[in-house]
Amino acid sequence: MNFIKRFCAASLLALGAIGQARAAQTFHGEVSDSQCALNVHSLTRSHQEMLKSKSMGGTSNTCSVYCIEHLGGYLVLSTAKDVFRLDRSDLVHGFEGRRVVIDGVLDPKLKQIHVLKIDLENKP
């Protein structure tokens, strides 16, 4: 009987730890394409080089849309310059190249955010 009690207690503690590790968080950053965000054709994790050349459009939005459609997937850049994959392109579509606030659940092993909610960032 003691074994069952200890097993149940350990299971509850483990489930509690998993639940805390997977709690929703708020992330701030720019929705970007993988090419610019991972320095494939950028040196600054931004659209700066592509905007100068005008080869991918003239704004962060047009650069992201072009690269997402032709070269890579969605990503968000945090203010600390971390890059996270976003799993809900249906929610993220329309925010390309824009600063956003995302409520989501981070999978730290995959560096992926399960997007629950996304809005434009309101900067004063």
PDB file of N, CA and C in Angstrom:
ATOM      1  N   MET A   1       0.818  -1.196   0.000  1.00  0.00           N
ATOM      2  CA  MET A   1       0.000   0.000   0.000  1.00  0.00           C
ATOM      3  C   MET A   1       0.866   1.265   0.000  1.00  0.00           C
ATOM      4  N   ASN A   2       1.966   1.227   0.760  1.00  0.00           N
ATOM      5  CA  ASN A   2       2.853   2.387   0.786  1.00  0.00           C
ATOM      6  C   ASN A   2       3.447   2.665  -0.586  1.00  0.00           C
ATOM      7  N   PHE A   3       3.732   1.591  -1.334  1.00  0.00           N
ATOM      8  CA  PHE A   3       4.281   1.756  -2.681  1.00  0.00           C
ATOM      9  C   PHE A   3       3.309   2.526  -3.568  1.00  0.00           C
ATOM     10  N   ILE A   4       2.041   2.188  -3.484  1.00  0.00           N
ATOM     11  CA  ILE A   4       1.024   2.851  -4.306  1.00  0.00           C
ATOM     12  C   ILE A   4       0.918   4.324  -3.936  1.00  0.00           C
ATOM     13  N   LYS A   5       0.942   4.632  -2.647  1.00  0.00           N
ATOM     14  CA  LYS A   5       0.874   6.028  -2.203  1.00  0.00           C
ATOM     15  C   LYS A   5       2.081   6.815  -2.703  1.00  0.00           C
ATOM     16  N   ARG A   6       3.268   6.225  -2.580  1.00  0.00           N
ATOM     17  CA  ARG A   6       4.481   6.907  -3.034  1.00  0.00           C
ATOM     18  C   ARG A   6       4.472   7.097  -4.550  1.00  0.00           C
ATOM     19  N   PHE A   7       4.008   6.069  -5.268  1.00  0.00           N
ATOM     20  CA  PHE A   7       3.931   6.162  -6.721  1.00  0.00           C
ATOM     21  C   PHE A   7       2.973   7.271  -7.140  1.00  0.00           C
ATOM     22  N   CYS A   8       1.814   7.340  -6.508  1.00  0.00           N
ATOM     23  CA  CYS A   8       0.827   8.382  -6.834  1.00  0.00           C
ATOM     24  C   CYS A   8       1.372   9.771  -6.517  1.00  0.00           C
ATOM     25  N   ALA A   9       2.033   9.906  -5.378  1.00  0.00           N
ATOM     26  CA  ALA A   9       2.597  11.199  -4.995  1.00  0.00           C
ATOM     27  C   ALA A   9       3.680  11.631  -5.986  1.00  0.00           C
ATOM     28  N   ALA A  10       4.554  10.701  -6.364  1.00  0.00           N
ATOM     29  CA  ALA A  10       5.608  11.020  -7.326  1.00  0.00           C
ATOM     30  C   ALA A  10       5.012  11.378  -8.685  1.00  0.00           C
ATOM     31  N   SER A  11       3.973  10.680  -9.080  1.00  0.00           N
ATOM     32  CA  SER A  11       3.317  10.969 -10.360  1.00  0.00           C
ATOM     33  C   SER A  11       2.712  12.362 -10.362  1.00  0.00           C
ATOM     34  N   LEU A  12       2.062  12.740  -9.274  1.00  0.00           N
ATOM     35  CA  LEU A  12       1.468  14.073  -9.181  1.00  0.00           C
ATOM     36  C   LEU A  12       2.536  15.164  -9.231  1.00  0.00           C
ATOM     37  N   LEU A  13       3.654  14.937  -8.551  1.00  0.00           N
ATOM     38  CA  LEU A  13       4.744  15.912  -8.588  1.00  0.00           C
ATOM     39  C   LEU A  13       5.311  16.043 -10.000  1.00  0.00           C
ATOM     40  N   ALA A  14       5.484  14.925 -10.676  1.00  0.00           N
ATOM     41  CA  ALA A  14       6.013  14.956 -12.040  1.00  0.00           C
ATOM     42  C   ALA A  14       5.052  15.672 -12.977  1.00  0.00           C
ATOM     43  N   LEU A  15       3.771  15.402 -12.862  1.00  0.00           N
ATOM     44  CA  LEU A  15       2.781  16.075 -13.704  1.00  0.00           C
ATOM     45  C   LEU A  15       2.745  17.570 -13.420  1.00  0.00           C
ATOM     46  N   GLY A  16       2.894  17.941 -12.162  1.00  0.00           N
ATOM     47  CA  GLY A  16       2.928  19.362 -11.804  1.00  0.00           C
ATOM     48  C   GLY A  16       4.123  20.064 -12.419  1.00  0.00           C
ATOM     49  N   ALA A  17       5.273  19.397 -12.416  1.00  0.00           N
ATOM     50  CA  ALA A  17       6.476  19.983 -13.011  1.00  0.00           C
ATOM     51  C   ALA A  17       6.320  20.140 -14.514  1.00  0.00           C
ATOM     52  N   ILE A  18       5.729  19.146 -15.164  1.00  0.00           N
ATOM     53  CA  ILE A  18       5.503  19.234 -16.607  1.00  0.00           C
ATOM     54  C   ILE A  18       4.541  20.372 -16.917  1.00  0.00           C
ATOM     55  N   GLY A  19       3.481  20.496 -16.127  1.00  0.00           N
ATOM     56  CA  GLY A  19       2.504  21.562 -16.339  1.00  0.00           C
ATOM     57  C   GLY A  19       3.121  22.934 -16.197  1.00  0.00           C
ATOM     58  N   GLN A  20       4.020  23.099 -15.230  1.00  0.00           N
ATOM     59  CA  GLN A  20       4.670  24.392 -15.049  1.00  0.00           C
ATOM     60  C   GLN A  20       5.625  24.696 -16.195  1.00  0.00           C
ATOM     61  N   ALA A  21       6.335  23.685 -16.677  1.00  0.00           N
ATOM     62  CA  ALA A  21       7.285  23.896 -17.758  1.00  0.00           C
ATOM     63  C   ALA A  21       6.568  24.266 -19.056  1.00  0.00           C
ATOM     64  N   ARG A  22       5.321  23.873 -19.186  1.00  0.00           N
ATOM     65  CA  ARG A  22       4.572  24.104 -20.418  1.00  0.00           C
ATOM     66  C   ARG A  22       3.507  25.185 -20.254  1.00  0.00           C
ATOM     67  N   ALA A  23       3.663  26.056 -19.290  1.00  0.00           N
ATOM     68  CA  ALA A  23       2.679  27.122 -19.069  1.00  0.00           C
ATOM     69  C   ALA A  23       2.795  28.169 -20.176  1.00  0.00           C
ATOM     70  N   ALA A  24       1.692  28.821 -20.462  1.00  0.00           N
ATOM     71  CA  ALA A  24       1.681  29.876 -21.480  1.00  0.00           C
ATOM     72  C   ALA A  24       2.571  31.034 -21.036  1.00  0.00           C
ATOM     73  N   GLN A  25       3.260  31.625 -21.997  1.00  0.00           N
ATOM     74  CA  GLN A  25       4.142  32.761 -21.763  1.00  0.00           C
ATOM     75  C   GLN A  25       3.829  33.835 -22.801  1.00  0.00           C
ATOM     76  N   THR A  26       4.355  35.027 -22.565  1.00  0.00           N
ATOM     77  CA  THR A  26       4.204  36.118 -23.524  1.00  0.00           C
ATOM     78  C   THR A  26       5.559  36.396 -24.163  1.00  0.00           C
ATOM     79  N   PHE A  27       5.570  36.478 -25.487  1.00  0.00           N
ATOM     80  CA  PHE A  27       6.783  36.729 -26.256  1.00  0.00           C
ATOM     81  C   PHE A  27       6.588  37.991 -27.090  1.00  0.00           C
ATOM     82  N   HIS A  28       7.641  38.795 -27.188  1.00  0.00           N
ATOM     83  CA  HIS A  28       7.629  40.009 -28.011  1.00  0.00           C
ATOM     84  C   HIS A  28       8.681  39.843 -29.094  1.00  0.00           C
ATOM     85  N   GLY A  29       8.346  40.199 -30.314  1.00  0.00           N
ATOM     86  CA  GLY A  29       9.326  40.111 -31.381  1.00  0.00           C
ATOM     87  C   GLY A  29       8.717  40.408 -32.729  1.00  0.00           C
ATOM     88  N   GLU A  30       9.478  40.122 -33.770  1.00  0.00           N
ATOM     89  CA  GLU A  30       9.025  40.352 -35.141  1.00  0.00           C
ATOM     90  C   GLU A  30       8.785  39.017 -35.820  1.00  0.00           C
ATOM     91  N   VAL A  31       7.639  38.887 -36.469  1.00  0.00           N
ATOM     92  CA  VAL A  31       7.378  37.698 -37.271  1.00  0.00           C
ATOM     93  C   VAL A  31       8.245  37.821 -38.515  1.00  0.00           C
ATOM     94  N   SER A  32       9.083  36.843 -38.731  1.00  0.00           N
ATOM     95  CA  SER A  32      10.042  36.911 -39.825  1.00  0.00           C
ATOM     96  C   SER A  32      10.130  35.567 -40.528  1.00  0.00           C
ATOM     97  N   ASP A  33      10.872  35.563 -41.620  1.00  0.00           N
ATOM     98  CA  ASP A  33      11.152  34.325 -42.337  1.00  0.00           C
ATOM     99  C   ASP A  33      12.442  33.713 -41.803  1.00  0.00           C
ATOM    100  N   SER A  34      12.613  32.432 -42.038  1.00  0.00           N
ATOM    101  CA  SER A  34      13.792  31.746 -41.520  1.00  0.00           C
ATOM    102  C   SER A  34      15.078  32.219 -42.191  1.00  0.00           C
ATOM    103  N   GLN A  35      15.004  32.671 -43.416  1.00  0.00           N
ATOM    104  CA  GLN A  35      16.213  33.092 -44.131  1.00  0.00           C
ATOM    105  C   GLN A  35      16.863  34.311 -43.472  1.00  0.00           C
ATOM    106  N   CYS A  36      16.077  35.339 -43.190  1.00  0.00           N
ATOM    107  CA  CYS A  36      16.635  36.530 -42.541  1.00  0.00           C
ATOM    108  C   CYS A  36      16.934  36.266 -41.065  1.00  0.00           C
ATOM    109  N   ALA A  37      16.015  35.599 -40.378  1.00  0.00           N
ATOM    110  CA  ALA A  37      16.155  35.406 -38.934  1.00  0.00           C
ATOM    111  C   ALA A  37      17.345  34.534 -38.561  1.00  0.00           C
ATOM    112  N   LEU A  38      17.704  33.587 -39.415  1.00  0.00           N
ATOM    113  CA  LEU A  38      18.811  32.675 -39.113  1.00  0.00           C
ATOM    114  C   LEU A  38      20.086  33.036 -39.876  1.00  0.00           C
ATOM    115  N   ASN A  39      20.150  34.265 -40.369  1.00  0.00           N
ATOM    116  CA  ASN A  39      21.344  34.790 -41.046  1.00  0.00           C
ATOM    117  C   ASN A  39      21.740  33.998 -42.289  1.00  0.00           C
ATOM    118  N   VAL A  40      20.769  33.447 -43.001  1.00  0.00           N
ATOM    119  CA  VAL A  40      21.078  32.750 -44.249  1.00  0.00           C
ATOM    120  C   VAL A  40      21.489  33.765 -45.314  1.00  0.00           C
ATOM    121  N   HIS A  41      20.730  34.844 -45.451  1.00  0.00           N
ATOM    122  CA  HIS A  41      21.124  35.916 -46.366  1.00  0.00           C
ATOM    123  C   HIS A  41      21.129  37.261 -45.649  1.00  0.00           C
ATOM    124  N   SER A  42      21.460  37.203 -44.376  1.00  0.00           N
ATOM    125  CA  SER A  42      21.508  38.402 -43.550  1.00  0.00           C
ATOM    126  C   SER A  42      22.660  38.259 -42.564  1.00  0.00           C
ATOM    127  N   LEU A  43      23.256  39.347 -42.204  1.00  0.00           N
ATOM    128  CA  LEU A  43      24.312  39.329 -41.196  1.00  0.00           C
ATOM    129  C   LEU A  43      23.820  39.851 -39.853  1.00  0.00           C
ATOM    130  N   THR A  44      22.606  40.387 -39.837  1.00  0.00           N
ATOM    131  CA  THR A  44      22.110  41.083 -38.653  1.00  0.00           C
ATOM    132  C   THR A  44      20.816  40.500 -38.093  1.00  0.00           C
ATOM    133  N   ARG A  45      20.419  39.307 -38.553  1.00  0.00           N
ATOM    134  CA  ARG A  45      19.141  38.705 -38.153  1.00  0.00           C
ATOM    135  C   ARG A  45      17.982  39.661 -38.414  1.00  0.00           C
ATOM    136  N   SER A  46      18.080  40.358 -39.505  1.00  0.00           N
ATOM    137  CA  SER A  46      17.042  41.323 -39.864  1.00  0.00           C
ATOM    138  C   SER A  46      16.890  41.318 -41.384  1.00  0.00           C
ATOM    139  N   HIS A  47      16.071  42.213 -41.883  1.00  0.00           N
ATOM    140  CA  HIS A  47      15.841  42.337 -43.319  1.00  0.00           C
ATOM    141  C   HIS A  47      16.734  43.416 -43.935  1.00  0.00           C
ATOM    142  N   GLN A  48      17.605  43.985 -43.135  1.00  0.00           N
ATOM    143  CA  GLN A  48      18.398  45.150 -43.527  1.00  0.00           C
ATOM    144  C   GLN A  48      19.109  44.966 -44.871  1.00  0.00           C
ATOM    145  N   GLU A  49      19.826  43.874 -45.046  1.00  0.00           N
ATOM    146  CA  GLU A  49      20.583  43.668 -46.285  1.00  0.00           C
ATOM    147  C   GLU A  49      19.661  43.499 -47.497  1.00  0.00           C
ATOM    148  N   MET A  50      18.575  42.785 -47.321  1.00  0.00           N
ATOM    149  CA  MET A  50      17.640  42.557 -48.424  1.00  0.00           C
ATOM    150  C   MET A  50      16.899  43.840 -48.801  1.00  0.00           C
ATOM    151  N   LEU A  51      16.606  44.677 -47.805  1.00  0.00           N
ATOM    152  CA  LEU A  51      15.922  45.939 -48.089  1.00  0.00           C
ATOM    153  C   LEU A  51      16.831  46.894 -48.859  1.00  0.00           C
ATOM    154  N   LYS A  52      18.130  46.871 -48.552  1.00  0.00           N
ATOM    155  CA  LYS A  52      19.071  47.718 -49.291  1.00  0.00           C
ATOM    156  C   LYS A  52      19.146  47.312 -50.755  1.00  0.00           C
ATOM    157  N   SER A  53      19.111  46.015 -51.003  1.00  0.00           N
ATOM    158  CA  SER A  53      19.238  45.535 -52.388  1.00  0.00           C
ATOM    159  C   SER A  53      17.913  45.590 -53.148  1.00  0.00           C
ATOM    160  N   LYS A  54      16.807  45.751 -52.429  1.00  0.00           N
ATOM    161  CA  LYS A  54      15.458  45.787 -53.016  1.00  0.00           C
ATOM    162  C   LYS A  54      15.097  44.483 -53.747  1.00  0.00           C
ATOM    163  N   SER A  55      15.881  43.433 -53.556  1.00  0.00           N
ATOM    164  CA  SER A  55      15.625  42.181 -54.272  1.00  0.00           C
ATOM    165  C   SER A  55      14.439  41.406 -53.709  1.00  0.00           C
ATOM    166  N   MET A  56      14.089  41.652 -52.463  1.00  0.00           N
ATOM    167  CA  MET A  56      12.973  40.950 -51.830  1.00  0.00           C
ATOM    168  C   MET A  56      11.850  41.905 -51.458  1.00  0.00           C
ATOM    169  N   GLY A  57      11.841  43.092 -52.033  1.00  0.00           N
ATOM    170  CA  GLY A  57      10.830  44.083 -51.705  1.00  0.00           C
ATOM    171  C   GLY A  57      11.435  45.237 -50.939  1.00  0.00           C
ATOM    172  N   GLY A  58      10.598  46.199 -50.592  1.00  0.00           N
ATOM    173  CA  GLY A  58      11.092  47.407 -49.957  1.00  0.00           C
ATOM    174  C   GLY A  58      10.762  47.547 -48.486  1.00  0.00           C
ATOM    175  N   THR A  59      10.040  46.567 -47.917  1.00  0.00           N
ATOM    176  CA  THR A  59       9.683  46.641 -46.496  1.00  0.00           C
ATOM    177  C   THR A  59       9.939  45.288 -45.833  1.00  0.00           C
ATOM    178  N   SER A  60       9.975  45.295 -44.513  1.00  0.00           N
ATOM    179  CA  SER A  60      10.120  44.034 -43.775  1.00  0.00           C
ATOM    180  C   SER A  60       8.986  43.085 -44.107  1.00  0.00           C
ATOM    181  N   ASN A  61       7.794  43.645 -44.292  1.00  0.00           N
ATOM    182  CA  ASN A  61       6.632  42.821 -44.631  1.00  0.00           C
ATOM    183  C   ASN A  61       6.810  42.132 -45.977  1.00  0.00           C
ATOM    184  N   THR A  62       7.171  42.878 -47.016  1.00  0.00           N
ATOM    185  CA  THR A  62       7.307  42.262 -48.339  1.00  0.00           C
ATOM    186  C   THR A  62       8.467  41.275 -48.389  1.00  0.00           C
ATOM    187  N   CYS A  63       9.541  41.566 -47.673  1.00  0.00           N
ATOM    188  CA  CYS A  63      10.680  40.651 -47.610  1.00  0.00           C
ATOM    189  C   CYS A  63      10.256  39.339 -46.948  1.00  0.00           C
ATOM    190  N   SER A  64       9.571  39.442 -45.808  1.00  0.00           N
ATOM    191  CA  SER A  64       9.117  38.238 -45.101  1.00  0.00           C
ATOM    192  C   SER A  64       8.146  37.424 -45.935  1.00  0.00           C
ATOM    193  N   VAL A  65       7.176  38.096 -46.551  1.00  0.00           N
ATOM    194  CA  VAL A  65       6.180  37.383 -47.358  1.00  0.00           C
ATOM    195  C   VAL A  65       6.863  36.651 -48.507  1.00  0.00           C
ATOM    196  N   TYR A  66       7.770  37.328 -49.206  1.00  0.00           N
ATOM    197  CA  TYR A  66       8.466  36.693 -50.326  1.00  0.00           C
ATOM    198  C   TYR A  66       9.248  35.464 -49.855  1.00  0.00           C
ATOM    199  N   CYS A  67      10.020  35.629 -48.793  1.00  0.00           N
ATOM    200  CA  CYS A  67      10.869  34.533 -48.326  1.00  0.00           C
ATOM    201  C   CYS A  67      10.056  33.381 -47.741  1.00  0.00           C
ATOM    202  N   ILE A  68       8.963  33.685 -47.070  1.00  0.00           N
ATOM    203  CA  ILE A  68       8.111  32.624 -46.528  1.00  0.00           C
ATOM    204  C   ILE A  68       7.492  31.825 -47.665  1.00  0.00           C
ATOM    205  N   GLU A  69       7.031  32.511 -48.694  1.00  0.00           N
ATOM    206  CA  GLU A  69       6.396  31.822 -49.822  1.00  0.00           C
ATOM    207  C   GLU A  69       7.396  31.033 -50.658  1.00  0.00           C
ATOM    208  N   HIS A  70       8.631  31.524 -50.769  1.00  0.00           N
ATOM    209  CA  HIS A  70       9.594  30.895 -51.672  1.00  0.00           C
ATOM    210  C   HIS A  70      10.736  30.153 -50.985  1.00  0.00           C
ATOM    211  N   LEU A  71      11.062  30.506 -49.744  1.00  0.00           N
ATOM    212  CA  LEU A  71      12.294  29.973 -49.161  1.00  0.00           C
ATOM    213  C   LEU A  71      12.178  29.357 -47.768  1.00  0.00           C
ATOM    214  N   GLY A  72      11.354  29.906 -46.883  1.00  0.00           N
ATOM    215  CA  GLY A  72      11.404  29.426 -45.508  1.00  0.00           C
ATOM    216  C   GLY A  72      10.106  29.558 -44.765  1.00  0.00           C
ATOM    217  N   GLY A  73      10.126  29.213 -43.481  1.00  0.00           N
ATOM    218  CA  GLY A  73       8.934  29.246 -42.643  1.00  0.00           C
ATOM    219  C   GLY A  73       8.907  30.426 -41.700  1.00  0.00           C
ATOM    220  N   TYR A  74       7.825  30.530 -40.943  1.00  0.00           N
ATOM    221  CA  TYR A  74       7.649  31.616 -39.979  1.00  0.00           C
ATOM    222  C   TYR A  74       8.575  31.467 -38.785  1.00  0.00           C
ATOM    223  N   LEU A  75       9.016  32.586 -38.274  1.00  0.00           N
ATOM    224  CA  LEU A  75       9.788  32.632 -37.035  1.00  0.00           C
ATOM    225  C   LEU A  75       9.459  33.933 -36.326  1.00  0.00           C
ATOM    226  N   VAL A  76       9.734  33.990 -35.050  1.00  0.00           N
ATOM    227  CA  VAL A  76       9.614  35.256 -34.335  1.00  0.00           C
ATOM    228  C   VAL A  76      10.961  35.545 -33.690  1.00  0.00           C
ATOM    229  N   LEU A  77      11.379  36.767 -33.733  1.00  0.00           N
ATOM    230  CA  LEU A  77      12.612  37.179 -33.077  1.00  0.00           C
ATOM    231  C   LEU A  77      12.258  37.845 -31.761  1.00  0.00           C
ATOM    232  N   SER A  78      12.782  37.342 -30.678  1.00  0.00           N
ATOM    233  CA  SER A  78      12.518  37.996 -29.397  1.00  0.00           C
ATOM    234  C   SER A  78      13.414  39.222 -29.280  1.00  0.00           C
ATOM    235  N   THR A  79      13.163  40.040 -28.279  1.00  0.00           N
ATOM    236  CA  THR A  79      13.981  41.239 -28.091  1.00  0.00           C
ATOM    237  C   THR A  79      15.414  40.874 -27.740  1.00  0.00           C
ATOM    238  N   ALA A  80      15.633  39.676 -27.226  1.00  0.00           N
ATOM    239  CA  ALA A  80      16.985  39.226 -26.887  1.00  0.00           C
ATOM    240  C   ALA A  80      17.666  38.539 -28.074  1.00  0.00           C
ATOM    241  N   LYS A  81      17.059  38.610 -29.243  1.00  0.00           N
ATOM    242  CA  LYS A  81      17.589  38.033 -30.478  1.00  0.00           C
ATOM    243  C   LYS A  81      17.541  36.507 -30.494  1.00  0.00           C
ATOM    244  N   ASP A  82      16.658  35.908 -29.713  1.00  0.00           N
ATOM    245  CA  ASP A  82      16.409  34.475 -29.814  1.00  0.00           C
ATOM    246  C   ASP A  82      15.452  34.237 -30.964  1.00  0.00           C
ATOM    247  N   VAL A  83      15.586  33.091 -31.616  1.00  0.00           N
ATOM    248  CA  VAL A  83      14.726  32.753 -32.745  1.00  0.00           C
ATOM    249  C   VAL A  83      13.911  31.522 -32.382  1.00  0.00           C
ATOM    250  N   PHE A  84      12.592  31.640 -32.499  1.00  0.00           N
ATOM    251  CA  PHE A  84      11.695  30.535 -32.180  1.00  0.00           C
ATOM    252  C   PHE A  84      10.825  30.226 -33.388  1.00  0.00           C
ATOM    253  N   ARG A  85      10.616  28.952 -33.656  1.00  0.00           N
ATOM    254  CA  ARG A  85       9.672  28.544 -34.699  1.00  0.00           C
ATOM    255  C   ARG A  85       8.256  28.771 -34.184  1.00  0.00           C
ATOM    256  N   LEU A  86       7.352  29.111 -35.086  1.00  0.00           N
ATOM    257  CA  LEU A  86       5.941  29.284 -34.745  1.00  0.00           C
ATOM    258  C   LEU A  86       5.142  28.181 -35.425  1.00  0.00           C
ATOM    259  N   ASP A  87       4.265  27.530 -34.675  1.00  0.00           N
ATOM    260  CA  ASP A  87       3.571  26.362 -35.226  1.00  0.00           C
ATOM    261  C   ASP A  87       2.202  26.652 -35.826  1.00  0.00           C
ATOM    262  N   ARG A  88       1.679  27.839 -35.693  1.00  0.00           N
ATOM    263  CA  ARG A  88       0.316  28.116 -36.159  1.00  0.00           C
ATOM    264  C   ARG A  88       0.326  29.158 -37.261  1.00  0.00           C
ATOM    265  N   SER A  89       0.673  28.762 -38.471  1.00  0.00           N
ATOM    266  CA  SER A  89       0.721  29.721 -39.574  1.00  0.00           C
ATOM    267  C   SER A  89      -0.652  30.317 -39.866  1.00  0.00           C
ATOM    268  N   ASP A  90      -1.721  29.588 -39.518  1.00  0.00           N
ATOM    269  CA  ASP A  90      -3.067  30.135 -39.727  1.00  0.00           C
ATOM    270  C   ASP A  90      -3.317  31.358 -38.856  1.00  0.00           C
ATOM    271  N   LEU A  91      -2.746  31.397 -37.652  1.00  0.00           N
ATOM    272  CA  LEU A  91      -2.898  32.563 -36.772  1.00  0.00           C
ATOM    273  C   LEU A  91      -1.886  33.655 -37.104  1.00  0.00           C
ATOM    274  N   VAL A  92      -0.720  33.264 -37.574  1.00  0.00           N
ATOM    275  CA  VAL A  92       0.379  34.201 -37.785  1.00  0.00           C
ATOM    276  C   VAL A  92       0.274  34.921 -39.132  1.00  0.00           C
ATOM    277  N   HIS A  93      -0.396  34.310 -40.097  1.00  0.00           N
ATOM    278  CA  HIS A  93      -0.530  34.909 -41.432  1.00  0.00           C
ATOM    279  C   HIS A  93      -1.112  36.323 -41.323  1.00  0.00           C
ATOM    280  N   GLY A  94      -0.480  37.262 -41.985  1.00  0.00           N
ATOM    281  CA  GLY A  94      -0.905  38.658 -41.943  1.00  0.00           C
ATOM    282  C   GLY A  94      -0.039  39.512 -41.032  1.00  0.00           C
ATOM    283  N   PHE A  95       0.814  38.877 -40.222  1.00  0.00           N
ATOM    284  CA  PHE A  95       1.690  39.612 -39.304  1.00  0.00           C
ATOM    285  C   PHE A  95       3.146  39.612 -39.780  1.00  0.00           C
ATOM    286  N   GLU A  96       3.409  39.156 -40.990  1.00  0.00           N
ATOM    287  CA  GLU A  96       4.771  39.063 -41.500  1.00  0.00           C
ATOM    288  C   GLU A  96       5.467  40.424 -41.459  1.00  0.00           C
ATOM    289  N   GLY A  97       6.691  40.437 -40.929  1.00  0.00           N
ATOM    290  CA  GLY A  97       7.483  41.660 -40.894  1.00  0.00           C
ATOM    291  C   GLY A  97       7.015  42.679 -39.880  1.00  0.00           C
ATOM    292  N   ARG A  98       6.143  42.301 -38.975  1.00  0.00           N
ATOM    293  CA  ARG A  98       5.598  43.245 -37.987  1.00  0.00           C
ATOM    294  C   ARG A  98       5.987  42.822 -36.574  1.00  0.00           C
ATOM    295  N   ARG A  99       6.086  43.819 -35.692  1.00  0.00           N
ATOM    296  CA  ARG A  99       6.358  43.554 -34.274  1.00  0.00           C
ATOM    297  C   ARG A  99       5.066  43.096 -33.628  1.00  0.00           C
ATOM    298  N   VAL A 100       5.149  41.989 -32.887  1.00  0.00           N
ATOM    299  CA  VAL A 100       3.954  41.374 -32.321  1.00  0.00           C
ATOM    300  C   VAL A 100       4.173  40.975 -30.867  1.00  0.00           C
ATOM    301  N   VAL A 101       3.051  40.681 -30.221  1.00  0.00           N
ATOM    302  CA  VAL A 101       3.033  40.060 -28.896  1.00  0.00           C
ATOM    303  C   VAL A 101       2.338  38.720 -29.081  1.00  0.00           C
ATOM    304  N   ILE A 102       3.003  37.658 -28.668  1.00  0.00           N
ATOM    305  CA  ILE A 102       2.461  36.313 -28.819  1.00  0.00           C
ATOM    306  C   ILE A 102       2.279  35.692 -27.450  1.00  0.00           C
ATOM    307  N   ASP A 103       1.089  35.180 -27.194  1.00  0.00           N
ATOM    308  CA  ASP A 103       0.855  34.326 -26.036  1.00  0.00           C
ATOM    309  C   ASP A 103       0.953  32.903 -26.554  1.00  0.00           C
ATOM    310  N   GLY A 104       1.827  32.117 -25.937  1.00  0.00           N
ATOM    311  CA  GLY A 104       2.013  30.761 -26.429  1.00  0.00           C
ATOM    312  C   GLY A 104       2.754  29.899 -25.439  1.00  0.00           C
ATOM    313  N   VAL A 105       2.906  28.647 -25.814  1.00  0.00           N
ATOM    314  CA  VAL A 105       3.583  27.660 -24.979  1.00  0.00           C
ATOM    315  C   VAL A 105       4.889  27.278 -25.675  1.00  0.00           C
ATOM    316  N   LEU A 106       5.993  27.470 -24.964  1.00  0.00           N
ATOM    317  CA  LEU A 106       7.318  27.201 -25.513  1.00  0.00           C
ATOM    318  C   LEU A 106       7.708  25.746 -25.315  1.00  0.00           C
ATOM    319  N   ASP A 107       8.168  25.121 -26.387  1.00  0.00           N
ATOM    320  CA  ASP A 107       8.824  23.819 -26.301  1.00  0.00           C
ATOM    321  C   ASP A 107      10.317  24.111 -26.387  1.00  0.00           C
ATOM    322  N   PRO A 108      11.019  24.114 -25.239  1.00  0.00           N
ATOM    323  CA  PRO A 108      12.415  24.541 -25.243  1.00  0.00           C
ATOM    324  C   PRO A 108      13.338  23.623 -26.044  1.00  0.00           C
ATOM    325  N   LYS A 109      13.013  22.339 -26.126  1.00  0.00           N
ATOM    326  CA  LYS A 109      13.869  21.420 -26.885  1.00  0.00           C
ATOM    327  C   LYS A 109      13.828  21.737 -28.375  1.00  0.00           C
ATOM    328  N   LEU A 110      12.653  22.048 -28.890  1.00  0.00           N
ATOM    329  CA  LEU A 110      12.501  22.362 -30.311  1.00  0.00           C
ATOM    330  C   LEU A 110      12.666  23.844 -30.608  1.00  0.00           C
ATOM    331  N   LYS A 111      12.726  24.673 -29.549  1.00  0.00           N
ATOM    332  CA  LYS A 111      12.715  26.136 -29.692  1.00  0.00           C
ATOM    333  C   LYS A 111      11.534  26.545 -30.563  1.00  0.00           C
ATOM    334  N   GLN A 112      10.373  26.007 -30.217  1.00  0.00           N
ATOM    335  CA  GLN A 112       9.140  26.255 -30.970  1.00  0.00           C
ATOM    336  C   GLN A 112       8.061  26.752 -30.026  1.00  0.00           C
ATOM    337  N   ILE A 113       7.284  27.717 -30.497  1.00  0.00           N
ATOM    338  CA  ILE A 113       6.176  28.267 -29.723  1.00  0.00           C
ATOM    339  C   ILE A 113       4.871  27.779 -30.325  1.00  0.00           C
ATOM    340  N   HIS A 114       4.037  27.180 -29.472  1.00  0.00           N
ATOM    341  CA  HIS A 114       2.670  26.856 -29.883  1.00  0.00           C
ATOM    342  C   HIS A 114       1.864  28.130 -29.662  1.00  0.00           C
ATOM    343  N   VAL A 115       1.471  28.780 -30.735  1.00  0.00           N
ATOM    344  CA  VAL A 115       0.814  30.085 -30.669  1.00  0.00           C
ATOM    345  C   VAL A 115      -0.634  29.923 -30.229  1.00  0.00           C
ATOM    346  N   LEU A 116      -0.988  30.619 -29.150  1.00  0.00           N
ATOM    347  CA  LEU A 116      -2.367  30.647 -28.672  1.00  0.00           C
ATOM    348  C   LEU A 116      -3.075  31.916 -29.130  1.00  0.00           C
ATOM    349  N   LYS A 117      -2.308  33.033 -29.143  1.00  0.00           N
ATOM    350  CA  LYS A 117      -2.881  34.333 -29.495  1.00  0.00           C
ATOM    351  C   LYS A 117      -1.756  35.217 -30.019  1.00  0.00           C
ATOM    352  N   ILE A 118      -2.073  36.050 -30.992  1.00  0.00           N
ATOM    353  CA  ILE A 118      -1.082  36.976 -31.539  1.00  0.00           C
ATOM    354  C   ILE A 118      -1.756  38.319 -31.807  1.00  0.00           C
ATOM    355  N   ASP A 119      -1.074  39.400 -31.441  1.00  0.00           N
ATOM    356  CA  ASP A 119      -1.553  40.763 -31.679  1.00  0.00           C
ATOM    357  C   ASP A 119      -0.370  41.638 -32.051  1.00  0.00           C
ATOM    358  N   LEU A 120      -0.653  42.753 -32.712  1.00  0.00           N
ATOM    359  CA  LEU A 120       0.389  43.733 -32.978  1.00  0.00           C
ATOM    360  C   LEU A 120       0.874  44.319 -31.667  1.00  0.00           C
ATOM    361  N   GLU A 121       2.172  44.588 -31.595  1.00  0.00           N
ATOM    362  CA  GLU A 121       2.746  45.201 -30.408  1.00  0.00           C
ATOM    363  C   GLU A 121       2.394  46.680 -30.405  1.00  0.00           C
ATOM    364  N   ASN A 122       1.903  47.166 -29.292  1.00  0.00           N
ATOM    365  CA  ASN A 122       1.574  48.589 -29.158  1.00  0.00           C
ATOM    366  C   ASN A 122       2.737  49.296 -28.503  1.00  0.00           C
ATOM    367  N   LYS A 123       3.499  50.026 -29.303  1.00  0.00           N
ATOM    368  CA  LYS A 123       4.626  50.784 -28.753  1.00  0.00           C
ATOM    369  C   LYS A 123       4.205  52.237 -28.606  1.00  0.00           C
ATOM    370  N   PRO A 124       4.447  52.828 -27.431  1.00  0.00           N
ATOM    371  CA  PRO A 124       4.057  54.235 -27.232  1.00  0.00           C
ATOM    372  C   PRO A 124       4.873  55.195 -28.059  1.00  0.00           C
TER     373      PRO A 124
END
